[in-house]
Amino acid sequence: MNKTINRLKYIFIGIFLLSSASVLVYHATWVWPKDRCEKSGGAWAGKWMKCATVYPIETWTRRPRGTPPLNGQSADGPTADAPAKAAPAEADEAAPAAAPPTAAAPAASEKK
């Protein structure tokens, strides 16, 4: 019985150490770098585990702020006070009423 208790003790200690080490590795490789990146004002790219610098679109296009868009759409996109599109008609309203169920044909044994 004493060997069994010692074996279980070592198994549970091993599981505890393994899980503690895995939590530490997870925090060291994911959580702490993400926190440092967000505190410095960067954007965390989790797929690549890198801290990216956020650039305004004007930096890439070299267009000054306030320039109207080229395609004629509004610069800010849709607004909250714009009227919503009308909802399509309900399927129940557009569909005709179903015909009432008909009586079943007489069974073969009932035919004469």
PDB file of N, CA and C in Angstrom:
ATOM      1  N   MET A   1       0.821  -1.185   0.000  1.00  0.00           N
ATOM      2  CA  MET A   1       0.000   0.000   0.000  1.00  0.00           C
ATOM      3  C   MET A   1       0.873   1.259   0.000  1.00  0.00           C
ATOM      4  N   ASN A   2       1.984   1.210   0.696  1.00  0.00           N
ATOM      5  CA  ASN A   2       2.868   2.362   0.785  1.00  0.00           C
ATOM      6  C   ASN A   2       3.457   2.692  -0.588  1.00  0.00           C
ATOM      7  N   LYS A   3       3.761   1.671  -1.412  1.00  0.00           N
ATOM      8  CA  LYS A   3       4.303   1.916  -2.753  1.00  0.00           C
ATOM      9  C   LYS A   3       3.268   2.603  -3.634  1.00  0.00           C
ATOM     10  N   THR A   4       2.022   2.215  -3.478  1.00  0.00           N
ATOM     11  CA  THR A   4       0.953   2.816  -4.279  1.00  0.00           C
ATOM     12  C   THR A   4       0.781   4.292  -3.933  1.00  0.00           C
ATOM     13  N   ILE A   5       0.825   4.612  -2.665  1.00  0.00           N
ATOM     14  CA  ILE A   5       0.679   6.019  -2.244  1.00  0.00           C
ATOM     15  C   ILE A   5       1.852   6.840  -2.758  1.00  0.00           C
ATOM     16  N   ASN A   6       3.062   6.298  -2.668  1.00  0.00           N
ATOM     17  CA  ASN A   6       4.230   7.022  -3.172  1.00  0.00           C
ATOM     18  C   ASN A   6       4.141   7.224  -4.684  1.00  0.00           C
ATOM     19  N   ARG A   7       3.699   6.191  -5.400  1.00  0.00           N
ATOM     20  CA  ARG A   7       3.576   6.300  -6.859  1.00  0.00           C
ATOM     21  C   ARG A   7       2.541   7.361  -7.217  1.00  0.00           C
ATOM     22  N   LEU A   8       1.390   7.358  -6.562  1.00  0.00           N
ATOM     23  CA  LEU A   8       0.369   8.378  -6.818  1.00  0.00           C
ATOM     24  C   LEU A   8       0.867   9.777  -6.463  1.00  0.00           C
ATOM     25  N   LYS A   9       1.622   9.865  -5.399  1.00  0.00           N
ATOM     26  CA  LYS A   9       2.178  11.159  -4.995  1.00  0.00           C
ATOM     27  C   LYS A   9       3.077  11.706  -6.092  1.00  0.00           C
ATOM     28  N   TYR A  10       3.947  10.866  -6.641  1.00  0.00           N
ATOM     29  CA  TYR A  10       4.856  11.310  -7.701  1.00  0.00           C
ATOM     30  C   TYR A  10       4.098  11.638  -8.990  1.00  0.00           C
ATOM     31  N   ILE A  11       3.050  10.891  -9.273  1.00  0.00           N
ATOM     32  CA  ILE A  11       2.253  11.181 -10.463  1.00  0.00           C
ATOM     33  C   ILE A  11       1.582  12.541 -10.336  1.00  0.00           C
ATOM     34  N   PHE A  12       0.967  12.809  -9.193  1.00  0.00           N
ATOM     35  CA  PHE A  12       0.289  14.096  -9.014  1.00  0.00           C
ATOM     36  C   PHE A  12       1.278  15.251  -8.963  1.00  0.00           C
ATOM     37  N   ILE A  13       2.423  15.057  -8.373  1.00  0.00           N
ATOM     38  CA  ILE A  13       3.450  16.115  -8.369  1.00  0.00           C
ATOM     39  C   ILE A  13       3.927  16.381  -9.796  1.00  0.00           C
ATOM     40  N   GLY A  14       4.100  15.320 -10.584  1.00  0.00           N
ATOM     41  CA  GLY A  14       4.512  15.486 -11.984  1.00  0.00           C
ATOM     42  C   GLY A  14       3.469  16.227 -12.803  1.00  0.00           C
ATOM     43  N   ILE A  15       2.199  15.872 -12.620  1.00  0.00           N
ATOM     44  CA  ILE A  15       1.123  16.563 -13.335  1.00  0.00           C
ATOM     45  C   ILE A  15       1.076  18.031 -12.932  1.00  0.00           C
ATOM     46  N   PHE A  16       1.228  18.315 -11.651  1.00  0.00           N
ATOM     47  CA  PHE A  16       1.210  19.694 -11.175  1.00  0.00           C
ATOM     48  C   PHE A  16       2.371  20.493 -11.774  1.00  0.00           C
ATOM     49  N   LEU A  17       3.577  19.924 -11.772  1.00  0.00           N
ATOM     50  CA  LEU A  17       4.734  20.640 -12.313  1.00  0.00           C
ATOM     51  C   LEU A  17       4.602  20.854 -13.818  1.00  0.00           C
ATOM     52  N   LEU A  18       4.100  19.849 -14.522  1.00  0.00           N
ATOM     53  CA  LEU A  18       3.924  19.974 -15.966  1.00  0.00           C
ATOM     54  C   LEU A  18       2.889  21.048 -16.306  1.00  0.00           C
ATOM     55  N   SER A  19       1.779  21.056 -15.590  1.00  0.00           N
ATOM     56  CA  SER A  19       0.760  22.074 -15.870  1.00  0.00           C
ATOM     57  C   SER A  19       1.242  23.473 -15.460  1.00  0.00           C
ATOM     58  N   SER A  20       1.983  23.576 -14.380  1.00  0.00           N
ATOM     59  CA  SER A  20       2.525  24.880 -13.971  1.00  0.00           C
ATOM     60  C   SER A  20       3.521  25.398 -14.996  1.00  0.00           C
ATOM     61  N   ALA A  21       4.373  24.514 -15.498  1.00  0.00           N
ATOM     62  CA  ALA A  21       5.338  24.925 -16.516  1.00  0.00           C
ATOM     63  C   ALA A  21       4.641  25.339 -17.804  1.00  0.00           C
ATOM     64  N   SER A  22       3.573  24.629 -18.177  1.00  0.00           N
ATOM     65  CA  SER A  22       2.873  24.995 -19.405  1.00  0.00           C
ATOM     66  C   SER A  22       2.180  26.348 -19.280  1.00  0.00           C
ATOM     67  N   VAL A  23       1.634  26.658 -18.115  1.00  0.00           N
ATOM     68  CA  VAL A  23       1.023  27.973 -17.900  1.00  0.00           C
ATOM     69  C   VAL A  23       2.081  29.062 -17.957  1.00  0.00           C
ATOM     70  N   LEU A  24       3.243  28.816 -17.385  1.00  0.00           N
ATOM     71  CA  LEU A  24       4.333  29.790 -17.415  1.00  0.00           C
ATOM     72  C   LEU A  24       4.816  30.028 -18.845  1.00  0.00           C
ATOM     73  N   VAL A  25       4.963  28.962 -19.620  1.00  0.00           N
ATOM     74  CA  VAL A  25       5.389  29.110 -21.020  1.00  0.00           C
ATOM     75  C   VAL A  25       4.344  29.875 -21.819  1.00  0.00           C
ATOM     76  N   TYR A  26       3.071  29.575 -21.614  1.00  0.00           N
ATOM     77  CA  TYR A  26       1.995  30.282 -22.316  1.00  0.00           C
ATOM     78  C   TYR A  26       2.042  31.775 -22.006  1.00  0.00           C
ATOM     79  N   HIS A  27       2.206  32.125 -20.749  1.00  0.00           N
ATOM     80  CA  HIS A  27       2.262  33.542 -20.385  1.00  0.00           C
ATOM     81  C   HIS A  27       3.513  34.210 -20.934  1.00  0.00           C
ATOM     82  N   ALA A  28       4.626  33.496 -20.920  1.00  0.00           N
ATOM     83  CA  ALA A  28       5.877  34.091 -21.398  1.00  0.00           C
ATOM     84  C   ALA A  28       5.886  34.281 -22.908  1.00  0.00           C
ATOM     85  N   THR A  29       5.186  33.413 -23.654  1.00  0.00           N
ATOM     86  CA  THR A  29       5.218  33.525 -25.112  1.00  0.00           C
ATOM     87  C   THR A  29       4.017  34.241 -25.701  1.00  0.00           C
ATOM     88  N   TRP A  30       2.928  34.396 -24.956  1.00  0.00           N
ATOM     89  CA  TRP A  30       1.728  34.994 -25.526  1.00  0.00           C
ATOM     90  C   TRP A  30       1.207  36.186 -24.720  1.00  0.00           C
ATOM     91  N   VAL A  31       0.911  35.992 -23.461  1.00  0.00           N
ATOM     92  CA  VAL A  31       0.204  37.015 -22.685  1.00  0.00           C
ATOM     93  C   VAL A  31       1.094  38.220 -22.401  1.00  0.00           C
ATOM     94  N   TRP A  32       2.287  38.000 -21.895  1.00  0.00           N
ATOM     95  CA  TRP A  32       3.151  39.132 -21.535  1.00  0.00           C
ATOM     96  C   TRP A  32       3.605  39.929 -22.754  1.00  0.00           C
ATOM     97  N   PRO A  33       4.013  39.301 -23.875  1.00  0.00           N
ATOM     98  CA  PRO A  33       4.347  40.123 -25.048  1.00  0.00           C
ATOM     99  C   PRO A  33       3.150  40.917 -25.577  1.00  0.00           C
ATOM    100  N   LYS A  34       1.948  40.329 -25.525  1.00  0.00           N
ATOM    101  CA  LYS A  34       0.752  41.037 -25.980  1.00  0.00           C
ATOM    102  C   LYS A  34       0.492  42.258 -25.102  1.00  0.00           C
ATOM    103  N   ASP A  35       0.635  42.101 -23.793  1.00  0.00           N
ATOM    104  CA  ASP A  35       0.426  43.230 -22.886  1.00  0.00           C
ATOM    105  C   ASP A  35       1.451  44.338 -23.136  1.00  0.00           C
ATOM    106  N   ARG A  36       2.715  43.957 -23.318  1.00  0.00           N
ATOM    107  CA  ARG A  36       3.756  44.961 -23.602  1.00  0.00           C
ATOM    108  C   ARG A  36       3.461  45.695 -24.897  1.00  0.00           C
ATOM    109  N   CYS A  37       2.998  44.956 -25.909  1.00  0.00           N
ATOM    110  CA  CYS A  37       2.702  45.565 -27.203  1.00  0.00           C
ATOM    111  C   CYS A  37       1.548  46.552 -27.090  1.00  0.00           C
ATOM    112  N   GLU A  38       0.478  46.147 -26.413  1.00  0.00           N
ATOM    113  CA  GLU A  38      -0.679  47.022 -26.295  1.00  0.00           C
ATOM    114  C   GLU A  38      -0.392  48.232 -25.419  1.00  0.00           C
ATOM    115  N   LYS A  39       0.473  48.080 -24.406  1.00  0.00           N
ATOM    116  CA  LYS A  39       0.835  49.229 -23.574  1.00  0.00           C
ATOM    117  C   LYS A  39       1.669  50.239 -24.349  1.00  0.00           C
ATOM    118  N   SER A  40       2.470  49.764 -25.312  1.00  0.00           N
ATOM    119  CA  SER A  40       3.299  50.676 -26.095  1.00  0.00           C
ATOM    120  C   SER A  40       2.530  51.309 -27.250  1.00  0.00           C
ATOM    121  N   GLY A  41       1.262  50.910 -27.435  1.00  0.00           N
ATOM    122  CA  GLY A  41       0.442  51.519 -28.477  1.00  0.00           C
ATOM    123  C   GLY A  41       0.432  50.748 -29.773  1.00  0.00           C
ATOM    124  N   GLY A  42       1.009  49.585 -29.793  1.00  0.00           N
ATOM    125  CA  GLY A  42       1.029  48.777 -31.012  1.00  0.00           C
ATOM    126  C   GLY A  42      -0.205  47.914 -31.147  1.00  0.00           C
ATOM    127  N   ALA A  43      -0.242  47.177 -32.230  1.00  0.00           N
ATOM    128  CA  ALA A  43      -1.339  46.247 -32.480  1.00  0.00           C
ATOM    129  C   ALA A  43      -0.764  44.841 -32.473  1.00  0.00           C
ATOM    130  N   TRP A  44      -1.305  43.976 -31.624  1.00  0.00           N
ATOM    131  CA  TRP A  44      -0.799  42.612 -31.488  1.00  0.00           C
ATOM    132  C   TRP A  44      -1.360  41.748 -32.609  1.00  0.00           C
ATOM    133  N   ALA A  45      -0.462  41.149 -33.384  1.00  0.00           N
ATOM    134  CA  ALA A  45      -0.847  40.221 -34.445  1.00  0.00           C
ATOM    135  C   ALA A  45      -0.647  38.813 -33.908  1.00  0.00           C
ATOM    136  N   GLY A  46      -1.714  38.234 -33.394  1.00  0.00           N
ATOM    137  CA  GLY A  46      -1.625  36.941 -32.731  1.00  0.00           C
ATOM    138  C   GLY A  46      -1.234  35.809 -33.650  1.00  0.00           C
ATOM    139  N   LYS A  47      -1.604  35.896 -34.923  1.00  0.00           N
ATOM    140  CA  LYS A  47      -1.267  34.826 -35.859  1.00  0.00           C
ATOM    141  C   LYS A  47       0.245  34.699 -36.019  1.00  0.00           C
ATOM    142  N   TRP A  48       0.928  35.823 -36.034  1.00  0.00           N
ATOM    143  CA  TRP A  48       2.383  35.820 -36.193  1.00  0.00           C
ATOM    144  C   TRP A  48       3.108  36.108 -34.898  1.00  0.00           C
ATOM    145  N   MET A  49       2.370  36.399 -33.829  1.00  0.00           N
ATOM    146  CA  MET A  49       2.929  36.720 -32.519  1.00  0.00           C
ATOM    147  C   MET A  49       3.933  37.859 -32.598  1.00  0.00           C
ATOM    148  N   LYS A  50       3.516  38.924 -33.273  1.00  0.00           N
ATOM    149  CA  LYS A  50       4.375  40.094 -33.431  1.00  0.00           C
ATOM    150  C   LYS A  50       3.597  41.350 -33.089  1.00  0.00           C
ATOM    151  N   CYS A  51       4.350  42.358 -32.693  1.00  0.00           N
ATOM    152  CA  CYS A  51       3.773  43.664 -32.393  1.00  0.00           C
ATOM    153  C   CYS A  51       3.912  44.537 -33.634  1.00  0.00           C
ATOM    154  N   ALA A  52       2.786  45.019 -34.148  1.00  0.00           N
ATOM    155  CA  ALA A  52       2.799  45.830 -35.364  1.00  0.00           C
ATOM    156  C   ALA A  52       2.566  47.290 -35.020  1.00  0.00           C
ATOM    157  N   THR A  53       3.092  48.158 -35.844  1.00  0.00           N
ATOM    158  CA  THR A  53       2.881  49.584 -35.698  1.00  0.00           C
ATOM    159  C   THR A  53       1.683  49.970 -36.548  1.00  0.00           C
ATOM    160  N   VAL A  54       0.779  50.720 -35.973  1.00  0.00           N
ATOM    161  CA  VAL A  54      -0.411  51.146 -36.693  1.00  0.00           C
ATOM    162  C   VAL A  54      -0.085  52.432 -37.442  1.00  0.00           C
ATOM    163  N   TYR A  55      -0.276  52.400 -38.754  1.00  0.00           N
ATOM    164  CA  TYR A  55      -0.053  53.580 -39.583  1.00  0.00           C
ATOM    165  C   TYR A  55      -1.391  54.071 -40.103  1.00  0.00           C
ATOM    166  N   PRO A  56      -1.602  55.378 -40.122  1.00  0.00           N
ATOM    167  CA  PRO A  56      -2.825  55.888 -40.740  1.00  0.00           C
ATOM    168  C   PRO A  56      -2.786  55.645 -42.247  1.00  0.00           C
ATOM    169  N   ILE A  57      -3.936  55.529 -42.856  1.00  0.00           N
ATOM    170  CA  ILE A  57      -4.007  55.240 -44.286  1.00  0.00           C
ATOM    171  C   ILE A  57      -3.364  56.338 -45.121  1.00  0.00           C
ATOM    172  N   GLU A  58      -3.353  57.564 -44.595  1.00  0.00           N
ATOM    173  CA  GLU A  58      -2.752  58.666 -45.343  1.00  0.00           C
ATOM    174  C   GLU A  58      -1.251  58.464 -45.524  1.00  0.00           C
ATOM    175  N   THR A  59      -0.628  57.736 -44.614  1.00  0.00           N
ATOM    176  CA  THR A  59       0.800  57.465 -44.737  1.00  0.00           C
ATOM    177  C   THR A  59       1.069  56.603 -45.959  1.00  0.00           C
ATOM    178  N   TRP A  60       0.206  55.645 -46.215  1.00  0.00           N
ATOM    179  CA  TRP A  60       0.414  54.721 -47.329  1.00  0.00           C
ATOM    180  C   TRP A  60      -0.028  55.328 -48.657  1.00  0.00           C
ATOM    181  N   THR A  61      -1.121  56.074 -48.669  1.00  0.00           N
ATOM    182  CA  THR A  61      -1.638  56.606 -49.926  1.00  0.00           C
ATOM    183  C   THR A  61      -1.069  57.983 -50.257  1.00  0.00           C
ATOM    184  N   ARG A  62      -0.500  58.653 -49.274  1.00  0.00           N
ATOM    185  CA  ARG A  62       0.053  60.004 -49.412  1.00  0.00           C
ATOM    186  C   ARG A  62      -1.005  61.010 -49.855  1.00  0.00           C
ATOM    187  N   ARG A  63      -2.253  60.731 -49.481  1.00  0.00           N
ATOM    188  CA  ARG A  63      -3.341  61.674 -49.739  1.00  0.00           C
ATOM    189  C   ARG A  63      -3.562  62.476 -48.474  1.00  0.00           C
ATOM    190  N   PRO A  64      -3.774  63.772 -48.567  1.00  0.00           N
ATOM    191  CA  PRO A  64      -4.012  64.569 -47.356  1.00  0.00           C
ATOM    192  C   PRO A  64      -5.361  64.224 -46.739  1.00  0.00           C
ATOM    193  N   ARG A  65      -5.458  64.466 -45.447  1.00  0.00           N
ATOM    194  CA  ARG A  65      -6.723  64.216 -44.748  1.00  0.00           C
ATOM    195  C   ARG A  65      -7.801  65.135 -45.295  1.00  0.00           C
ATOM    196  N   GLY A  66      -9.031  64.626 -45.320  1.00  0.00           N
ATOM    197  CA  GLY A  66     -10.148  65.439 -45.766  1.00  0.00           C
ATOM    198  C   GLY A  66     -10.378  65.388 -47.261  1.00  0.00           C
ATOM    199  N   THR A  67      -9.551  64.692 -47.999  1.00  0.00           N
ATOM    200  CA  THR A  67      -9.747  64.573 -49.436  1.00  0.00           C
ATOM    201  C   THR A  67     -10.956  63.680 -49.689  1.00  0.00           C
ATOM    202  N   PRO A  68     -11.884  64.089 -50.557  1.00  0.00           N
ATOM    203  CA  PRO A  68     -13.050  63.238 -50.800  1.00  0.00           C
ATOM    204  C   PRO A  68     -12.637  61.929 -51.472  1.00  0.00           C
ATOM    205  N   PRO A  69     -13.403  60.889 -51.271  1.00  0.00           N
ATOM    206  CA  PRO A  69     -13.051  59.614 -51.883  1.00  0.00           C
ATOM    207  C   PRO A  69     -13.187  59.668 -53.400  1.00  0.00           C
ATOM    208  N   LEU A  70     -12.489  58.778 -54.066  1.00  0.00           N
ATOM    209  CA  LEU A  70     -12.455  58.791 -55.523  1.00  0.00           C
ATOM    210  C   LEU A  70     -13.707  58.192 -56.152  1.00  0.00           C
ATOM    211  N   ASN A  71     -14.378  57.300 -55.457  1.00  0.00           N
ATOM    212  CA  ASN A  71     -15.508  56.597 -56.057  1.00  0.00           C
ATOM    213  C   ASN A  71     -16.845  57.268 -55.809  1.00  0.00           C
ATOM    214  N   GLY A  72     -16.871  58.431 -55.222  1.00  0.00           N
ATOM    215  CA  GLY A  72     -18.097  59.169 -55.035  1.00  0.00           C
ATOM    216  C   GLY A  72     -18.898  58.782 -53.804  1.00  0.00           C
ATOM    217  N   GLN A  73     -18.445  57.839 -53.021  1.00  0.00           N
ATOM    218  CA  GLN A  73     -19.160  57.468 -51.808  1.00  0.00           C
ATOM    219  C   GLN A  73     -18.804  58.455 -50.711  1.00  0.00           C
ATOM    220  N   SER A  74     -19.621  58.450 -49.657  1.00  0.00           N
ATOM    221  CA  SER A  74     -19.342  59.362 -48.557  1.00  0.00           C
ATOM    222  C   SER A  74     -18.072  58.916 -47.845  1.00  0.00           C
ATOM    223  N   ALA A  75     -17.351  59.864 -47.312  1.00  0.00           N
ATOM    224  CA  ALA A  75     -16.076  59.569 -46.673  1.00  0.00           C
ATOM    225  C   ALA A  75     -16.243  58.791 -45.382  1.00  0.00           C
ATOM    226  N   ASP A  76     -17.357  59.012 -44.672  1.00  0.00           N
ATOM    227  CA  ASP A  76     -17.551  58.375 -43.376  1.00  0.00           C
ATOM    228  C   ASP A  76     -18.313  57.069 -43.469  1.00  0.00           C
ATOM    229  N   GLY A  77     -18.861  56.744 -44.613  1.00  0.00           N
ATOM    230  CA  GLY A  77     -19.655  55.533 -44.741  1.00  0.00           C
ATOM    231  C   GLY A  77     -21.090  55.809 -44.370  1.00  0.00           C
ATOM    232  N   PRO A  78     -21.869  54.772 -44.163  1.00  0.00           N
ATOM    233  CA  PRO A  78     -23.283  54.983 -43.827  1.00  0.00           C
ATOM    234  C   PRO A  78     -23.424  55.651 -42.467  1.00  0.00           C
ATOM    235  N   THR A  79     -24.428  56.491 -42.359  1.00  0.00           N
ATOM    236  CA  THR A  79     -24.654  57.205 -41.105  1.00  0.00           C
ATOM    237  C   THR A  79     -25.853  56.617 -40.386  1.00  0.00           C
ATOM    238  N   ALA A  80     -25.956  56.932 -39.111  1.00  0.00           N
ATOM    239  CA  ALA A  80     -27.037  56.395 -38.301  1.00  0.00           C
ATOM    240  C   ALA A  80     -28.374  57.037 -38.653  1.00  0.00           C
ATOM    241  N   ASP A  81     -28.366  58.305 -39.138  1.00  0.00           N
ATOM    242  CA  ASP A  81     -29.623  58.970 -39.441  1.00  0.00           C
ATOM    243  C   ASP A  81     -30.105  58.684 -40.858  1.00  0.00           C
ATOM    244  N   ALA A  82     -29.372  57.876 -41.627  1.00  0.00           N
ATOM    245  CA  ALA A  82     -29.814  57.513 -42.970  1.00  0.00           C
ATOM    246  C   ALA A  82     -30.994  56.559 -42.865  1.00  0.00           C
ATOM    247  N   PRO A  83     -31.975  56.690 -43.759  1.00  0.00           N
ATOM    248  CA  PRO A  83     -33.133  55.796 -43.663  1.00  0.00           C
ATOM    249  C   PRO A  83     -32.730  54.357 -43.958  1.00  0.00           C
ATOM    250  N   ALA A  84     -33.323  53.469 -43.206  1.00  0.00           N
ATOM    251  CA  ALA A  84     -33.043  52.051 -43.412  1.00  0.00           C
ATOM    252  C   ALA A  84     -33.795  51.569 -44.634  1.00  0.00           C
ATOM    253  N   LYS A  85     -33.257  50.549 -45.289  1.00  0.00           N
ATOM    254  CA  LYS A  85     -33.921  49.975 -46.448  1.00  0.00           C
ATOM    255  C   LYS A  85     -35.179  49.265 -45.987  1.00  0.00           C
ATOM    256  N   ALA A  86     -36.182  49.277 -46.844  1.00  0.00           N
ATOM    257  CA  ALA A  86     -37.437  48.615 -46.503  1.00  0.00           C
ATOM    258  C   ALA A  86     -37.212  47.112 -46.449  1.00  0.00           C
ATOM    259  N   ALA A  87     -37.787  46.489 -45.450  1.00  0.00           N
ATOM    260  CA  ALA A  87     -37.648  45.041 -45.305  1.00  0.00           C
ATOM    261  C   ALA A  87     -38.471  44.357 -46.382  1.00  0.00           C
ATOM    262  N   PRO A  88     -37.987  43.244 -46.910  1.00  0.00           N
ATOM    263  CA  PRO A  88     -38.770  42.531 -47.921  1.00  0.00           C
ATOM    264  C   PRO A  88     -40.062  42.009 -47.307  1.00  0.00           C
ATOM    265  N   ALA A  89     -41.052  41.792 -48.159  1.00  0.00           N
ATOM    266  CA  ALA A  89     -42.352  41.316 -47.682  1.00  0.00           C
ATOM    267  C   ALA A  89     -42.190  39.952 -47.027  1.00  0.00           C
ATOM    268  N   GLU A  90     -42.975  39.744 -46.023  1.00  0.00           N
ATOM    269  CA  GLU A  90     -42.925  38.464 -45.316  1.00  0.00           C
ATOM    270  C   GLU A  90     -43.338  37.347 -46.262  1.00  0.00           C
ATOM    271  N   ALA A  91     -42.767  36.185 -46.094  1.00  0.00           N
ATOM    272  CA  ALA A  91     -43.079  35.046 -46.948  1.00  0.00           C
ATOM    273  C   ALA A  91     -44.532  34.623 -46.763  1.00  0.00           C
ATOM    274  N   ASP A  92     -45.073  34.760 -45.541  1.00  0.00           N
ATOM    275  CA  ASP A  92     -46.446  34.352 -45.288  1.00  0.00           C
ATOM    276  C   ASP A  92     -47.434  35.266 -46.017  1.00  0.00           C
ATOM    277  N   GLU A  93     -47.116  36.536 -46.120  1.00  0.00           N
ATOM    278  CA  GLU A  93     -48.016  37.466 -46.771  1.00  0.00           C
ATOM    279  C   GLU A  93     -48.008  37.266 -48.276  1.00  0.00           C
ATOM    280  N   ALA A  94     -46.858  36.971 -48.848  1.00  0.00           N
ATOM    281  CA  ALA A  94     -46.736  36.862 -50.287  1.00  0.00           C
ATOM    282  C   ALA A  94     -47.232  35.508 -50.798  1.00  0.00           C
ATOM    283  N   ALA A  95     -47.148  34.470 -50.026  1.00  0.00           N
ATOM    284  CA  ALA A  95     -47.532  33.135 -50.474  1.00  0.00           C
ATOM    285  C   ALA A  95     -49.044  32.979 -50.381  1.00  0.00           C
ATOM    286  N   PRO A  96     -49.660  32.291 -51.368  1.00  0.00           N
ATOM    287  CA  PRO A  96     -51.102  32.058 -51.278  1.00  0.00           C
ATOM    288  C   PRO A  96     -51.401  31.069 -50.165  1.00  0.00           C
ATOM    289  N   ALA A  97     -52.631  31.113 -49.701  1.00  0.00           N
ATOM    290  CA  ALA A  97     -53.032  30.205 -48.624  1.00  0.00           C
ATOM    291  C   ALA A  97     -53.001  28.774 -49.127  1.00  0.00           C
ATOM    292  N   ALA A  98     -52.611  27.866 -48.269  1.00  0.00           N
ATOM    293  CA  ALA A  98     -52.528  26.460 -48.659  1.00  0.00           C
ATOM    294  C   ALA A  98     -53.932  25.888 -48.782  1.00  0.00           C
ATOM    295  N   ALA A  99     -54.092  24.957 -49.724  1.00  0.00           N
ATOM    296  CA  ALA A  99     -55.380  24.314 -49.930  1.00  0.00           C
ATOM    297  C   ALA A  99     -55.663  23.386 -48.753  1.00  0.00           C
ATOM    298  N   PRO A 100     -56.928  23.221 -48.372  1.00  0.00           N
ATOM    299  CA  PRO A 100     -57.231  22.326 -47.260  1.00  0.00           C
ATOM    300  C   PRO A 100     -56.899  20.882 -47.647  1.00  0.00           C
ATOM    301  N   PRO A 101     -56.566  20.065 -46.676  1.00  0.00           N
ATOM    302  CA  PRO A 101     -56.218  18.683 -47.010  1.00  0.00           C
ATOM    303  C   PRO A 101     -57.426  17.945 -47.573  1.00  0.00           C
ATOM    304  N   THR A 102     -57.173  17.074 -48.541  1.00  0.00           N
ATOM    305  CA  THR A 102     -58.250  16.312 -49.181  1.00  0.00           C
ATOM    306  C   THR A 102     -58.372  14.960 -48.530  1.00  0.00           C
ATOM    307  N   ALA A 103     -59.518  14.325 -48.733  1.00  0.00           N
ATOM    308  CA  ALA A 103     -59.724  12.988 -48.180  1.00  0.00           C
ATOM    309  C   ALA A 103     -58.830  11.998 -48.918  1.00  0.00           C
ATOM    310  N   ALA A 104     -58.326  11.023 -48.192  1.00  0.00           N
ATOM    311  CA  ALA A 104     -57.436  10.035 -48.799  1.00  0.00           C
ATOM    312  C   ALA A 104     -58.234   9.132 -49.721  1.00  0.00           C
ATOM    313  N   ALA A 105     -57.572   8.601 -50.708  1.00  0.00           N
ATOM    314  CA  ALA A 105     -58.218   7.678 -51.649  1.00  0.00           C
ATOM    315  C   ALA A 105     -58.611   6.429 -50.911  1.00  0.00           C
ATOM    316  N   PRO A 106     -59.709   5.761 -51.285  1.00  0.00           N
ATOM    317  CA  PRO A 106     -60.103   4.542 -50.587  1.00  0.00           C
ATOM    318  C   PRO A 106     -59.054   3.449 -50.754  1.00  0.00           C
ATOM    319  N   ALA A 107     -58.900   2.664 -49.746  1.00  0.00           N
ATOM    320  CA  ALA A 107     -57.912   1.595 -49.780  1.00  0.00           C
ATOM    321  C   ALA A 107     -58.334   0.545 -50.801  1.00  0.00           C
ATOM    322  N   ALA A 108     -57.386  -0.290 -51.218  1.00  0.00           N
ATOM    323  CA  ALA A 108     -57.642  -1.307 -52.240  1.00  0.00           C
ATOM    324  C   ALA A 108     -58.695  -2.310 -51.768  1.00  0.00           C
ATOM    325  N   SER A 109     -58.734  -2.602 -50.491  1.00  0.00           N
ATOM    326  CA  SER A 109     -59.717  -3.571 -49.985  1.00  0.00           C
ATOM    327  C   SER A 109     -61.138  -3.015 -50.030  1.00  0.00           C
ATOM    328  N   GLU A 110     -61.280  -1.679 -50.021  1.00  0.00           N
ATOM    329  CA  GLU A 110     -62.590  -1.078 -50.031  1.00  0.00           C
ATOM    330  C   GLU A 110     -63.168  -0.970 -51.442  1.00  0.00           C
ATOM    331  N   LYS A 111     -62.291  -1.041 -52.440  1.00  0.00           N
ATOM    332  CA  LYS A 111     -62.758  -0.952 -53.832  1.00  0.00           C
ATOM    333  C   LYS A 111     -63.506  -2.222 -54.185  1.00  0.00           C
ATOM    334  N   LYS A 112     -64.539  -2.097 -55.035  1.00  0.00           N
ATOM    335  CA  LYS A 112     -65.320  -3.272 -55.451  1.00  0.00           C
ATOM    336  C   LYS A 112     -65.247  -3.449 -56.908  1.00  0.00           C
TER     337      LYS A 112
END
